[in-house]
Amino acid sequence: MVTRVPIDLVIENLRGFIFDHRTEIIRVKENHVSLFLNPISKQAGRWRADQQISLRIEMKLSKATVENATVLTPASHPYTFRCTDSAIEIAEMRL
């Protein structure tokens, strides 16, 4: 997935997510991040069958550039956007 957000901003938002959800960082290696999310909620879920599940999140982030990506200006002007290419895998973890 390519987003029109610079990688610096993506990393800053990821830091906030990790802090807000008390996510455990399993491994960081160059542009690859492994996280463990074990939600602890004081409230019951919305439905009787709702359960809390633990997730392993694998993310690979890299810089990307996109030219003439959906701009609201005439197409005659070339534009290049600093973007982030991200590959994300989410898997349920059984404890």
PDB file of N, CA and C in Angstrom:
ATOM      1  N   MET A   1       0.851  -1.151   0.000  1.00  0.00           N
ATOM      2  CA  MET A   1       0.000   0.000   0.000  1.00  0.00           C
ATOM      3  C   MET A   1       0.912   1.233   0.000  1.00  0.00           C
ATOM      4  N   VAL A   2       0.593   2.189  -0.836  1.00  0.00           N
ATOM      5  CA  VAL A   2       1.350   3.444  -0.879  1.00  0.00           C
ATOM      6  C   VAL A   2       0.455   4.559  -0.361  1.00  0.00           C
ATOM      7  N   THR A   3       0.960   5.310   0.614  1.00  0.00           N
ATOM      8  CA  THR A   3       0.217   6.441   1.157  1.00  0.00           C
ATOM      9  C   THR A   3       0.906   7.738   0.759  1.00  0.00           C
ATOM     10  N   ARG A   4       0.153   8.803   0.658  1.00  0.00           N
ATOM     11  CA  ARG A   4       0.735  10.103   0.327  1.00  0.00           C
ATOM     12  C   ARG A   4       1.187  10.818   1.597  1.00  0.00           C
ATOM     13  N   VAL A   5       1.794  10.078   2.497  1.00  0.00           N
ATOM     14  CA  VAL A   5       2.307  10.618   3.756  1.00  0.00           C
ATOM     15  C   VAL A   5       3.792  10.289   3.817  1.00  0.00           C
ATOM     16  N   PRO A   6       4.641  11.267   4.102  1.00  0.00           N
ATOM     17  CA  PRO A   6       6.077  10.994   4.211  1.00  0.00           C
ATOM     18  C   PRO A   6       6.366   9.965   5.304  1.00  0.00           C
ATOM     19  N   ILE A   7       7.412   9.188   5.132  1.00  0.00           N
ATOM     20  CA  ILE A   7       7.748   8.111   6.065  1.00  0.00           C
ATOM     21  C   ILE A   7       8.007   8.639   7.475  1.00  0.00           C
ATOM     22  N   ASP A   8       8.549   9.847   7.603  1.00  0.00           N
ATOM     23  CA  ASP A   8       8.793  10.431   8.932  1.00  0.00           C
ATOM     24  C   ASP A   8       7.483  10.568   9.717  1.00  0.00           C
ATOM     25  N   LEU A   9       6.427  10.999   9.040  1.00  0.00           N
ATOM     26  CA  LEU A   9       5.128  11.167   9.686  1.00  0.00           C
ATOM     27  C   LEU A   9       4.507   9.805  10.015  1.00  0.00           C
ATOM     28  N   VAL A  10       4.687   8.826   9.150  1.00  0.00           N
ATOM     29  CA  VAL A  10       4.190   7.474   9.417  1.00  0.00           C
ATOM     30  C   VAL A  10       4.855   6.911  10.671  1.00  0.00           C
ATOM     31  N   ILE A  11       6.165   7.085  10.783  1.00  0.00           N
ATOM     32  CA  ILE A  11       6.899   6.588  11.953  1.00  0.00           C
ATOM     33  C   ILE A  11       6.435   7.301  13.221  1.00  0.00           C
ATOM     34  N   GLU A  12       6.207   8.606  13.143  1.00  0.00           N
ATOM     35  CA  GLU A  12       5.729   9.357  14.308  1.00  0.00           C
ATOM     36  C   GLU A  12       4.351   8.852  14.741  1.00  0.00           C
ATOM     37  N   ASN A  13       3.458   8.586  13.787  1.00  0.00           N
ATOM     38  CA  ASN A  13       2.132   8.058  14.113  1.00  0.00           C
ATOM     39  C   ASN A  13       2.234   6.648  14.688  1.00  0.00           C
ATOM     40  N   LEU A  14       3.162   5.856  14.185  1.00  0.00           N
ATOM     41  CA  LEU A  14       3.378   4.509  14.706  1.00  0.00           C
ATOM     42  C   LEU A  14       3.840   4.571  16.161  1.00  0.00           C
ATOM     43  N   ARG A  15       4.706   5.510  16.478  1.00  0.00           N
ATOM     44  CA  ARG A  15       5.142   5.695  17.874  1.00  0.00           C
ATOM     45  C   ARG A  15       3.948   5.991  18.782  1.00  0.00           C
ATOM     46  N   GLY A  16       3.048   6.848  18.317  1.00  0.00           N
ATOM     47  CA  GLY A  16       1.846   7.174  19.087  1.00  0.00           C
ATOM     48  C   GLY A  16       0.952   5.964  19.284  1.00  0.00           C
ATOM     49  N   PHE A  17       0.791   5.157  18.229  1.00  0.00           N
ATOM     50  CA  PHE A  17      -0.013   3.935  18.318  1.00  0.00           C
ATOM     51  C   PHE A  17       0.586   2.981  19.350  1.00  0.00           C
ATOM     52  N   ILE A  18       1.907   2.799  19.293  1.00  0.00           N
ATOM     53  CA  ILE A  18       2.595   1.907  20.226  1.00  0.00           C
ATOM     54  C   ILE A  18       2.391   2.378  21.666  1.00  0.00           C
ATOM     55  N   PHE A  19       2.512   3.678  21.893  1.00  0.00           N
ATOM     56  CA  PHE A  19       2.347   4.226  23.241  1.00  0.00           C
ATOM     57  C   PHE A  19       0.894   4.111  23.703  1.00  0.00           C
ATOM     58  N   ASP A  20      -0.055   4.516  22.847  1.00  0.00           N
ATOM     59  CA  ASP A  20      -1.473   4.520  23.222  1.00  0.00           C
ATOM     60  C   ASP A  20      -2.004   3.128  23.534  1.00  0.00           C
ATOM     61  N   HIS A  21      -1.540   2.128  22.797  1.00  0.00           N
ATOM     62  CA  HIS A  21      -2.080   0.772  22.953  1.00  0.00           C
ATOM     63  C   HIS A  21      -1.162  -0.148  23.748  1.00  0.00           C
ATOM     64  N   ARG A  22      -0.121   0.430  24.333  1.00  0.00           N
ATOM     65  CA  ARG A  22       0.848  -0.334  25.133  1.00  0.00           C
ATOM     66  C   ARG A  22       1.313  -1.569  24.369  1.00  0.00           C
ATOM     67  N   THR A  23       1.660  -1.341  23.131  1.00  0.00           N
ATOM     68  CA  THR A  23       2.102  -2.411  22.246  1.00  0.00           C
ATOM     69  C   THR A  23       3.546  -2.775  22.552  1.00  0.00           C
ATOM     70  N   GLU A  24       3.847  -4.060  22.522  1.00  0.00           N
ATOM     71  CA  GLU A  24       5.202  -4.537  22.763  1.00  0.00           C
ATOM     72  C   GLU A  24       5.954  -4.596  21.432  1.00  0.00           C
ATOM     73  N   ILE A  25       7.132  -4.009  21.408  1.00  0.00           N
ATOM     74  CA  ILE A  25       7.967  -4.062  20.209  1.00  0.00           C
ATOM     75  C   ILE A  25       8.789  -5.343  20.291  1.00  0.00           C
ATOM     76  N   ILE A  26       8.591  -6.230  19.343  1.00  0.00           N
ATOM     77  CA  ILE A  26       9.310  -7.498  19.334  1.00  0.00           C
ATOM     78  C   ILE A  26      10.675  -7.331  18.671  1.00  0.00           C
ATOM     79  N   ARG A  27      10.686  -6.674  17.524  1.00  0.00           N
ATOM     80  CA  ARG A  27      11.946  -6.532  16.787  1.00  0.00           C
ATOM     81  C   ARG A  27      11.866  -5.316  15.863  1.00  0.00           C
ATOM     82  N   VAL A  28      12.988  -4.615  15.748  1.00  0.00           N
ATOM     83  CA  VAL A  28      13.142  -3.527  14.787  1.00  0.00           C
ATOM     84  C   VAL A  28      14.419  -3.803  14.020  1.00  0.00           C
ATOM     85  N   LYS A  29      14.311  -3.862  12.705  1.00  0.00           N
ATOM     86  CA  LYS A  29      15.475  -4.157  11.878  1.00  0.00           C
ATOM     87  C   LYS A  29      15.360  -3.346  10.593  1.00  0.00           C
ATOM     88  N   GLU A  30      16.216  -2.360  10.444  1.00  0.00           N
ATOM     89  CA  GLU A  30      16.209  -1.443   9.307  1.00  0.00           C
ATOM     90  C   GLU A  30      14.802  -0.916   9.049  1.00  0.00           C
ATOM     91  N   ASN A  31      14.107  -1.416   8.027  1.00  0.00           N
ATOM     92  CA  ASN A  31      12.781  -0.899   7.698  1.00  0.00           C
ATOM     93  C   ASN A  31      11.669  -1.892   8.062  1.00  0.00           C
ATOM     94  N   HIS A  32      11.962  -2.845   8.948  1.00  0.00           N
ATOM     95  CA  HIS A  32      11.000  -3.869   9.346  1.00  0.00           C
ATOM     96  C   HIS A  32      10.727  -3.774  10.844  1.00  0.00           C
ATOM     97  N   VAL A  33       9.437  -3.802  11.218  1.00  0.00           N
ATOM     98  CA  VAL A  33       9.039  -3.700  12.621  1.00  0.00           C
ATOM     99  C   VAL A  33       8.076  -4.845  12.938  1.00  0.00           C
ATOM    100  N   SER A  34       8.317  -5.526  14.045  1.00  0.00           N
ATOM    101  CA  SER A  34       7.414  -6.566  14.539  1.00  0.00           C
ATOM    102  C   SER A  34       6.836  -6.098  15.861  1.00  0.00           C
ATOM    103  N   LEU A  35       5.510  -6.157  15.987  1.00  0.00           N
ATOM    104  CA  LEU A  35       4.830  -5.690  17.191  1.00  0.00           C
ATOM    105  C   LEU A  35       3.922  -6.780  17.741  1.00  0.00           C
ATOM    106  N   PHE A  36       3.665  -6.726  19.045  1.00  0.00           N
ATOM    107  CA  PHE A  36       2.724  -7.626  19.699  1.00  0.00           C
ATOM    108  C   PHE A  36       1.691  -6.751  20.394  1.00  0.00           C
ATOM    109  N   LEU A  37       0.428  -6.913  20.024  1.00  0.00           N
ATOM    110  CA  LEU A  37      -0.660  -6.126  20.584  1.00  0.00           C
ATOM    111  C   LEU A  37      -1.544  -7.053  21.403  1.00  0.00           C
ATOM    112  N   ASN A  38      -1.571  -6.814  22.712  1.00  0.00           N
ATOM    113  CA  ASN A  38      -2.383  -7.611  23.623  1.00  0.00           C
ATOM    114  C   ASN A  38      -3.330  -6.657  24.338  1.00  0.00           C
ATOM    115  N   PRO A  39      -4.523  -6.448  23.784  1.00  0.00           N
ATOM    116  CA  PRO A  39      -5.425  -5.446  24.351  1.00  0.00           C
ATOM    117  C   PRO A  39      -5.906  -5.822  25.749  1.00  0.00           C
ATOM    118  N   ILE A  40      -5.873  -4.852  26.624  1.00  0.00           N
ATOM    119  CA  ILE A  40      -6.378  -5.028  27.982  1.00  0.00           C
ATOM    120  C   ILE A  40      -7.460  -3.969  28.170  1.00  0.00           C
ATOM    121  N   SER A  41      -8.685  -4.415  28.198  1.00  0.00           N
ATOM    122  CA  SER A  41      -9.808  -3.494  28.303  1.00  0.00           C
ATOM    123  C   SER A  41     -10.577  -3.762  29.586  1.00  0.00           C
ATOM    124  N   LYS A  42     -11.015  -2.701  30.227  1.00  0.00           N
ATOM    125  CA  LYS A  42     -11.806  -2.843  31.446  1.00  0.00           C
ATOM    126  C   LYS A  42     -13.278  -3.038  31.114  1.00  0.00           C
ATOM    127  N   GLN A  43     -13.647  -2.721  29.860  1.00  0.00           N
ATOM    128  CA  GLN A  43     -15.034  -2.838  29.453  1.00  0.00           C
ATOM    129  C   GLN A  43     -15.262  -4.145  28.709  1.00  0.00           C
ATOM    130  N   ALA A  44     -16.457  -4.657  28.856  1.00  0.00           N
ATOM    131  CA  ALA A  44     -16.825  -5.814  28.044  1.00  0.00           C
ATOM    132  C   ALA A  44     -17.067  -5.328  26.626  1.00  0.00           C
ATOM    133  N   GLY A  45     -17.030  -6.229  25.694  1.00  0.00           N
ATOM    134  CA  GLY A  45     -17.268  -5.866  24.305  1.00  0.00           C
ATOM    135  C   GLY A  45     -18.713  -5.466  24.064  1.00  0.00           C
ATOM    136  N   ARG A  46     -18.970  -5.041  22.871  1.00  0.00           N
ATOM    137  CA  ARG A  46     -20.309  -4.596  22.505  1.00  0.00           C
ATOM    138  C   ARG A  46     -21.273  -5.786  22.422  1.00  0.00           C
ATOM    139  N   TRP A  47     -20.758  -6.921  21.998  1.00  0.00           N
ATOM    140  CA  TRP A  47     -21.584  -8.116  21.834  1.00  0.00           C
ATOM    141  C   TRP A  47     -21.179  -9.162  22.872  1.00  0.00           C
ATOM    142  N   ARG A  48     -22.102 -10.025  23.215  1.00  0.00           N
ATOM    143  CA  ARG A  48     -21.845 -11.054  24.212  1.00  0.00           C
ATOM    144  C   ARG A  48     -20.670 -11.950  23.809  1.00  0.00           C
ATOM    145  N   ALA A  49     -20.525 -12.225  22.516  1.00  0.00           N
ATOM    146  CA  ALA A  49     -19.473 -13.126  22.034  1.00  0.00           C
ATOM    147  C   ALA A  49     -18.132 -12.423  21.818  1.00  0.00           C
ATOM    148  N   ASP A  50     -18.086 -11.115  22.041  1.00  0.00           N
ATOM    149  CA  ASP A  50     -16.830 -10.391  21.831  1.00  0.00           C
ATOM    150  C   ASP A  50     -15.730 -10.924  22.742  1.00  0.00           C
ATOM    151  N   GLN A  51     -14.552 -11.069  22.173  1.00  0.00           N
ATOM    152  CA  GLN A  51     -13.396 -11.508  22.943  1.00  0.00           C
ATOM    153  C   GLN A  51     -12.217 -10.626  22.593  1.00  0.00           C
ATOM    154  N   GLN A  52     -11.309 -10.509  23.517  1.00  0.00           N
ATOM    155  CA  GLN A  52     -10.076  -9.797  23.238  1.00  0.00           C
ATOM    156  C   GLN A  52      -9.112 -10.792  22.608  1.00  0.00           C
ATOM    157  N   ILE A  53      -8.462 -10.389  21.545  1.00  0.00           N
ATOM    158  CA  ILE A  53      -7.486 -11.267  20.912  1.00  0.00           C
ATOM    159  C   ILE A  53      -6.150 -10.552  20.815  1.00  0.00           C
ATOM    160  N   SER A  54      -5.104 -11.327  20.869  1.00  0.00           N
ATOM    161  CA  SER A  54      -3.757 -10.787  20.736  1.00  0.00           C
ATOM    162  C   SER A  54      -3.363 -10.850  19.266  1.00  0.00           C
ATOM    163  N   LEU A  55      -2.637  -9.829  18.829  1.00  0.00           N
ATOM    164  CA  LEU A  55      -2.246  -9.743  17.425  1.00  0.00           C
ATOM    165  C   LEU A  55      -0.741  -9.553  17.286  1.00  0.00           C
ATOM    166  N   ARG A  56      -0.192 -10.167  16.264  1.00  0.00           N
ATOM    167  CA  ARG A  56       1.193  -9.906  15.876  1.00  0.00           C
ATOM    168  C   ARG A  56       1.118  -9.084  14.604  1.00  0.00           C
ATOM    169  N   ILE A  57       1.826  -7.970  14.602  1.00  0.00           N
ATOM    170  CA  ILE A  57       1.803  -7.053  13.460  1.00  0.00           C
ATOM    171  C   ILE A  57       3.209  -6.972  12.879  1.00  0.00           C
ATOM    172  N   GLU A  58       3.328  -7.272  11.606  1.00  0.00           N
ATOM    173  CA  GLU A  58       4.596  -7.176  10.890  1.00  0.00           C
ATOM    174  C   GLU A  58       4.464  -6.023   9.895  1.00  0.00           C
ATOM    175  N   MET A  59       5.397  -5.081   9.960  1.00  0.00           N
ATOM    176  CA  MET A  59       5.354  -3.923   9.072  1.00  0.00           C
ATOM    177  C   MET A  59       6.687  -3.732   8.382  1.00  0.00           C
ATOM    178  N   LYS A  60       6.620  -3.436   7.105  1.00  0.00           N
ATOM    179  CA  LYS A  60       7.818  -3.090   6.345  1.00  0.00           C
ATOM    180  C   LYS A  60       7.523  -1.750   5.678  1.00  0.00           C
ATOM    181  N   LEU A  61       8.326  -0.751   6.006  1.00  0.00           N
ATOM    182  CA  LEU A  61       8.114   0.607   5.505  1.00  0.00           C
ATOM    183  C   LEU A  61       9.280   1.029   4.628  1.00  0.00           C
ATOM    184  N   SER A  62       8.985   1.727   3.556  1.00  0.00           N
ATOM    185  CA  SER A  62      10.040   2.268   2.711  1.00  0.00           C
ATOM    186  C   SER A  62       9.554   3.550   2.044  1.00  0.00           C
ATOM    187  N   LYS A  63      10.511   4.397   1.707  1.00  0.00           N
ATOM    188  CA  LYS A  63      10.179   5.655   1.030  1.00  0.00           C
ATOM    189  C   LYS A  63       9.747   5.362  -0.392  1.00  0.00           C
ATOM    190  N   ALA A  64       8.831   6.171  -0.882  1.00  0.00           N
ATOM    191  CA  ALA A  64       8.366   6.037  -2.257  1.00  0.00           C
ATOM    192  C   ALA A  64       8.055   7.426  -2.797  1.00  0.00           C
ATOM    193  N   THR A  65       8.066   7.568  -4.084  1.00  0.00           N
ATOM    194  CA  THR A  65       7.641   8.818  -4.713  1.00  0.00           C
ATOM    195  C   THR A  65       6.598   8.487  -5.769  1.00  0.00           C
ATOM    196  N   VAL A  66       5.628   9.339  -5.876  1.00  0.00           N
ATOM    197  CA  VAL A  66       4.560   9.159  -6.850  1.00  0.00           C
ATOM    198  C   VAL A  66       4.449  10.442  -7.638  1.00  0.00           C
ATOM    199  N   GLU A  67       4.450  10.332  -8.943  1.00  0.00           N
ATOM    200  CA  GLU A  67       4.328  11.514  -9.789  1.00  0.00           C
ATOM    201  C   GLU A  67       2.890  11.663 -10.256  1.00  0.00           C
ATOM    202  N   ASN A  68       2.430  12.918 -10.300  1.00  0.00           N
ATOM    203  CA  ASN A  68       1.088  13.261 -10.771  1.00  0.00           C
ATOM    204  C   ASN A  68       0.004  12.431 -10.096  1.00  0.00           C
ATOM    205  N   ALA A  69       0.112  12.234  -8.813  1.00  0.00           N
ATOM    206  CA  ALA A  69      -0.871  11.432  -8.074  1.00  0.00           C
ATOM    207  C   ALA A  69      -2.060  12.284  -7.672  1.00  0.00           C
ATOM    208  N   THR A  70      -3.178  12.045  -8.239  1.00  0.00           N
ATOM    209  CA  THR A  70      -4.452  12.687  -7.943  1.00  0.00           C
ATOM    210  C   THR A  70      -4.307  14.066  -7.306  1.00  0.00           C
ATOM    211  N   VAL A  71      -4.033  15.017  -8.126  1.00  0.00           N
ATOM    212  CA  VAL A  71      -3.901  16.390  -7.648  1.00  0.00           C
ATOM    213  C   VAL A  71      -5.090  17.189  -8.136  1.00  0.00           C
ATOM    214  N   LEU A  72      -5.423  18.224  -7.416  1.00  0.00           N
ATOM    215  CA  LEU A  72      -6.564  19.049  -7.786  1.00  0.00           C
ATOM    216  C   LEU A  72      -6.125  20.247  -8.620  1.00  0.00           C
ATOM    217  N   THR A  73      -5.044  20.116  -9.354  1.00  0.00           N
ATOM    218  CA  THR A  73      -4.537  21.185 -10.210  1.00  0.00           C
ATOM    219  C   THR A  73      -4.435  20.634 -11.628  1.00  0.00           C
ATOM    220  N   PRO A  74      -4.254  21.500 -12.613  1.00  0.00           N
ATOM    221  CA  PRO A  74      -4.174  21.014 -13.991  1.00  0.00           C
ATOM    222  C   PRO A  74      -3.065  19.977 -14.172  1.00  0.00           C
ATOM    223  N   ALA A  75      -3.328  18.968 -14.980  1.00  0.00           N
ATOM    224  CA  ALA A  75      -2.377  17.881 -15.193  1.00  0.00           C
ATOM    225  C   ALA A  75      -1.134  18.329 -15.957  1.00  0.00           C
ATOM    226  N   SER A  76      -1.146  19.552 -16.467  1.00  0.00           N
ATOM    227  CA  SER A  76       0.008  20.037 -17.222  1.00  0.00           C
ATOM    228  C   SER A  76       1.212  20.314 -16.326  1.00  0.00           C
ATOM    229  N   HIS A  77       1.019  20.404 -15.015  1.00  0.00           N
ATOM    230  CA  HIS A  77       2.119  20.664 -14.091  1.00  0.00           C
ATOM    231  C   HIS A  77       2.533  19.355 -13.436  1.00  0.00           C
ATOM    232  N   PRO A  78       3.777  18.912 -13.626  1.00  0.00           N
ATOM    233  CA  PRO A  78       4.210  17.664 -12.984  1.00  0.00           C
ATOM    234  C   PRO A  78       4.441  17.871 -11.484  1.00  0.00           C
ATOM    235  N   TYR A  79       3.946  16.960 -10.683  1.00  0.00           N
ATOM    236  CA  TYR A  79       4.118  17.004  -9.237  1.00  0.00           C
ATOM    237  C   TYR A  79       4.687  15.673  -8.770  1.00  0.00           C
ATOM    238  N   THR A  80       5.553  15.729  -7.767  1.00  0.00           N
ATOM    239  CA  THR A  80       6.088  14.524  -7.158  1.00  0.00           C
ATOM    240  C   THR A  80       5.803  14.595  -5.666  1.00  0.00           C
ATOM    241  N   PHE A  81       5.237  13.522  -5.122  1.00  0.00           N
ATOM    242  CA  PHE A  81       4.883  13.483  -3.716  1.00  0.00           C
ATOM    243  C   PHE A  81       5.802  12.535  -2.969  1.00  0.00           C
ATOM    244  N   ARG A  82       6.204  12.948  -1.758  1.00  0.00           N
ATOM    245  CA  ARG A  82       6.953  12.036  -0.882  1.00  0.00           C
ATOM    246  C   ARG A  82       5.930  11.126  -0.228  1.00  0.00           C
ATOM    247  N   CYS A  83       6.067   9.850  -0.465  1.00  0.00           N
ATOM    248  CA  CYS A  83       5.095   8.880   0.009  1.00  0.00           C
ATOM    249  C   CYS A  83       5.780   7.775   0.801  1.00  0.00           C
ATOM    250  N   THR A  84       4.956   6.903   1.371  1.00  0.00           N
ATOM    251  CA  THR A  84       5.456   5.746   2.099  1.00  0.00           C
ATOM    252  C   THR A  84       4.826   4.492   1.522  1.00  0.00           C
ATOM    253  N   ASP A  85       5.671   3.546   1.170  1.00  0.00           N
ATOM    254  CA  ASP A  85       5.209   2.237   0.717  1.00  0.00           C
ATOM    255  C   ASP A  85       5.234   1.329   1.942  1.00  0.00           C
ATOM    256  N   SER A  86       4.094   0.740   2.283  1.00  0.00           N
ATOM    257  CA  SER A  86       4.033  -0.088   3.484  1.00  0.00           C
ATOM    258  C   SER A  86       3.402  -1.439   3.175  1.00  0.00           C
ATOM    259  N   ALA A  87       4.028  -2.463   3.716  1.00  0.00           N
ATOM    260  CA  ALA A  87       3.480  -3.816   3.647  1.00  0.00           C
ATOM    261  C   ALA A  87       3.183  -4.228   5.077  1.00  0.00           C
ATOM    262  N   ILE A  88       1.935  -4.584   5.354  1.00  0.00           N
ATOM    263  CA  ILE A  88       1.519  -4.880   6.720  1.00  0.00           C
ATOM    264  C   ILE A  88       0.841  -6.244   6.768  1.00  0.00           C
ATOM    265  N   GLU A  89       1.271  -7.062   7.704  1.00  0.00           N
ATOM    266  CA  GLU A  89       0.637  -8.358   7.942  1.00  0.00           C
ATOM    267  C   GLU A  89       0.171  -8.394   9.391  1.00  0.00           C
ATOM    268  N   ILE A  90      -1.078  -8.823   9.586  1.00  0.00           N
ATOM    269  CA  ILE A  90      -1.638  -8.924  10.932  1.00  0.00           C
ATOM    270  C   ILE A  90      -2.122 -10.361  11.122  1.00  0.00           C
ATOM    271  N   ALA A  91      -1.673 -10.983  12.209  1.00  0.00           N
ATOM    272  CA  ALA A  91      -2.065 -12.353  12.490  1.00  0.00           C
ATOM    273  C   ALA A  91      -2.492 -12.492  13.943  1.00  0.00           C
ATOM    274  N   GLU A  92      -3.514 -13.310  14.173  1.00  0.00           N
ATOM    275  CA  GLU A  92      -3.971 -13.599  15.527  1.00  0.00           C
ATOM    276  C   GLU A  92      -2.937 -14.495  16.211  1.00  0.00           C
ATOM    277  N   MET A  93      -2.678 -14.207  17.471  1.00  0.00           N
ATOM    278  CA  MET A  93      -1.748 -15.040  18.238  1.00  0.00           C
ATOM    279  C   MET A  93      -2.515 -15.741  19.342  1.00  0.00           C
ATOM    280  N   ARG A  94      -2.365 -17.007  19.411  1.00  0.00           N
ATOM    281  CA  ARG A  94      -2.986 -17.799  20.478  1.00  0.00           C
ATOM    282  C   ARG A  94      -2.028 -17.893  21.643  1.00  0.00           C
ATOM    283  N   LEU A  95      -2.496 -17.555  22.805  1.00  0.00           N
ATOM    284  CA  LEU A  95      -1.641 -17.598  24.000  1.00  0.00           C
ATOM    285  C   LEU A  95      -1.891 -18.830  24.815  1.00  0.00           C
TER     286      LEU A  95
END
